[in-house]
Amino acid sequence: MFMEERQKDIISKLNQTGRILVSEIQERFLEGAVDIIYRTLEKTGLIHDEGPNKDKGFGPYVQSERQRKGIYLEYAKKLIEKGEAYYCFCDKERLGSLKEKEEEADDDLDI
């Protein structure tokens, strides 16, 4: 495998994998989804060296845990302090319309 040839670790980070949004308020966990992902990776020969089930001290590895610990907020604040980001005061409707425009623009791409 390419990564093994270069002696690099494969780190597994889960970005809300196994979670299904039921509504804006309620979220439920899809039991077994993470295990299915790990079994599938193993069957394809993609064995990770580090992740939620192999903690080497560089977690958290699950997106919601990183968000809950304030990791994203910490880095967002650093970017704002350096002048490389800014606060957005758009309401949900404005953000929704921007997202729609972006999706429409992506649909227009001819690849």
Protein backbone atom coordinates (compact mmCIF):
# COMPACT_ATOMS: atom_id res chain seq x y z
CA MET A 1 0.00 0.00 0.00
CA PHE A 2 1.20 3.52 -0.83
CA MET A 3 1.06 4.74 2.79
CA GLU A 4 2.92 1.71 4.13
CA GLU A 5 5.71 2.17 1.61
CA ARG A 6 6.33 5.62 3.01
CA GLN A 7 5.87 4.49 6.63
CA LYS A 8 2.97 6.86 7.31
CA ASP A 9 0.20 6.24 9.81
CA ILE A 10 -3.37 5.96 8.63
CA ILE A 11 -5.62 7.91 10.99
CA SER A 12 -9.34 7.25 11.07
CA LYS A 13 -11.49 10.30 11.79
CA LEU A 14 -15.26 9.91 11.82
CA ASN A 15 -17.24 12.85 10.53
CA GLN A 16 -20.65 12.13 11.99
CA THR A 17 -20.52 8.69 10.44
CA GLY A 18 -23.24 6.51 11.81
CA ARG A 19 -25.48 9.41 12.74
CA ILE A 20 -28.74 10.21 11.00
CA LEU A 21 -30.43 13.55 11.45
CA VAL A 22 -34.04 12.81 12.36
CA SER A 23 -35.03 16.44 12.86
CA GLU A 24 -33.34 19.72 13.74
CA ILE A 25 -33.80 18.88 17.39
CA GLN A 26 -33.43 15.11 17.64
CA GLU A 27 -30.58 12.94 16.49
CA ARG A 28 -30.34 9.17 16.74
CA PHE A 29 -27.36 6.89 16.48
CA LEU A 30 -27.41 4.20 13.80
CA GLU A 31 -26.22 1.22 15.80
CA GLY A 32 -23.41 -0.72 14.16
CA ALA A 33 -22.59 1.78 11.40
CA VAL A 34 -19.08 2.45 12.68
CA ASP A 35 -18.37 -1.29 12.95
CA ILE A 36 -19.53 -1.77 9.35
CA ILE A 37 -17.10 0.93 8.21
CA TYR A 38 -14.17 -0.65 10.05
CA ARG A 39 -15.00 -4.14 8.72
CA THR A 40 -15.26 -2.78 5.17
CA LEU A 41 -11.92 -0.98 5.47
CA GLU A 42 -10.31 -4.11 6.88
CA LYS A 43 -11.65 -6.28 4.03
CA THR A 44 -10.16 -3.86 1.50
CA GLY A 45 -6.81 -3.88 3.27
CA LEU A 46 -7.10 -0.34 4.62
CA ILE A 47 -6.13 -0.88 8.22
CA HIS A 48 -5.90 2.35 10.18
CA ASP A 49 -3.18 2.91 12.75
CA GLU A 50 -5.09 5.39 14.84
CA GLY A 51 -8.72 6.36 15.40
CA PRO A 52 -11.63 6.17 17.84
CA ASN A 53 -10.91 2.51 18.54
CA LYS A 54 -7.10 2.94 18.49
CA ASP A 55 -6.41 6.07 20.51
CA LYS A 56 -2.82 7.27 20.34
CA GLY A 57 -3.51 10.51 22.14
CA PHE A 58 -4.28 12.75 19.18
CA GLY A 59 -8.09 12.61 19.38
CA PRO A 60 -10.85 13.28 19.58
CA TYR A 61 -11.45 11.46 16.33
CA VAL A 62 -15.21 11.90 16.01
CA GLN A 63 -16.43 15.23 14.60
CA SER A 64 -19.11 15.81 17.23
CA GLU A 65 -16.57 15.23 20.01
CA ARG A 66 -14.16 17.74 18.46
CA GLN A 67 -16.98 20.27 18.22
CA ARG A 68 -18.17 19.60 21.79
CA LYS A 69 -14.64 20.22 23.12
CA GLY A 70 -14.49 23.56 21.34
CA ILE A 71 -11.59 22.66 19.07
CA TYR A 72 -13.18 24.24 15.97
CA LEU A 73 -14.12 27.37 17.90
CA GLU A 74 -10.58 27.71 19.23
CA TYR A 75 -9.09 27.70 15.73
CA ALA A 76 -11.84 29.92 14.32
CA LYS A 77 -11.03 32.53 16.98
CA LYS A 78 -7.32 32.33 16.11
CA LEU A 79 -8.13 32.93 12.44
CA ILE A 80 -10.29 35.95 13.35
CA GLU A 81 -7.53 37.38 15.57
CA LYS A 82 -5.07 37.06 12.67
CA GLY A 83 -7.51 38.76 10.29
CA GLU A 84 -7.85 35.62 8.19
CA ALA A 85 -11.54 35.08 8.99
CA TYR A 86 -14.49 37.15 10.11
CA TYR A 87 -17.79 36.80 11.92
CA CYS A 88 -20.88 36.21 9.80
CA PHE A 89 -24.16 37.73 10.96
CA CYS A 90 -26.36 36.27 8.19
CA ASP A 91 -29.69 34.79 9.21
CA LYS A 92 -30.71 31.22 8.26
CA GLU A 93 -32.62 32.40 5.21
CA ARG A 94 -29.60 34.23 3.80
CA LEU A 95 -27.31 31.27 4.44
CA GLY A 96 -29.88 28.96 2.83
CA SER A 97 -30.05 31.11 -0.31
CA LEU A 98 -26.25 31.21 -0.56
CA LYS A 99 -26.11 27.43 -0.21
CA GLU A 100 -28.72 27.02 -2.96
CA LYS A 101 -26.78 29.31 -5.29
CA GLU A 102 -23.61 27.34 -4.63
CA GLU A 103 -25.36 24.04 -5.32
CA GLU A 104 -26.82 25.45 -8.56
CA ALA A 105 -23.38 26.63 -9.63
CA ASP A 106 -21.98 23.15 -8.99
CA ASP A 107 -24.75 21.63 -11.12
CA ASP A 108 -23.75 23.88 -14.02
CA LEU A 109 -20.21 22.50 -14.13
CA ASP A 110 -19.46 20.38 -17.16
CA ILE A 111 -16.74 17.91 -16.35
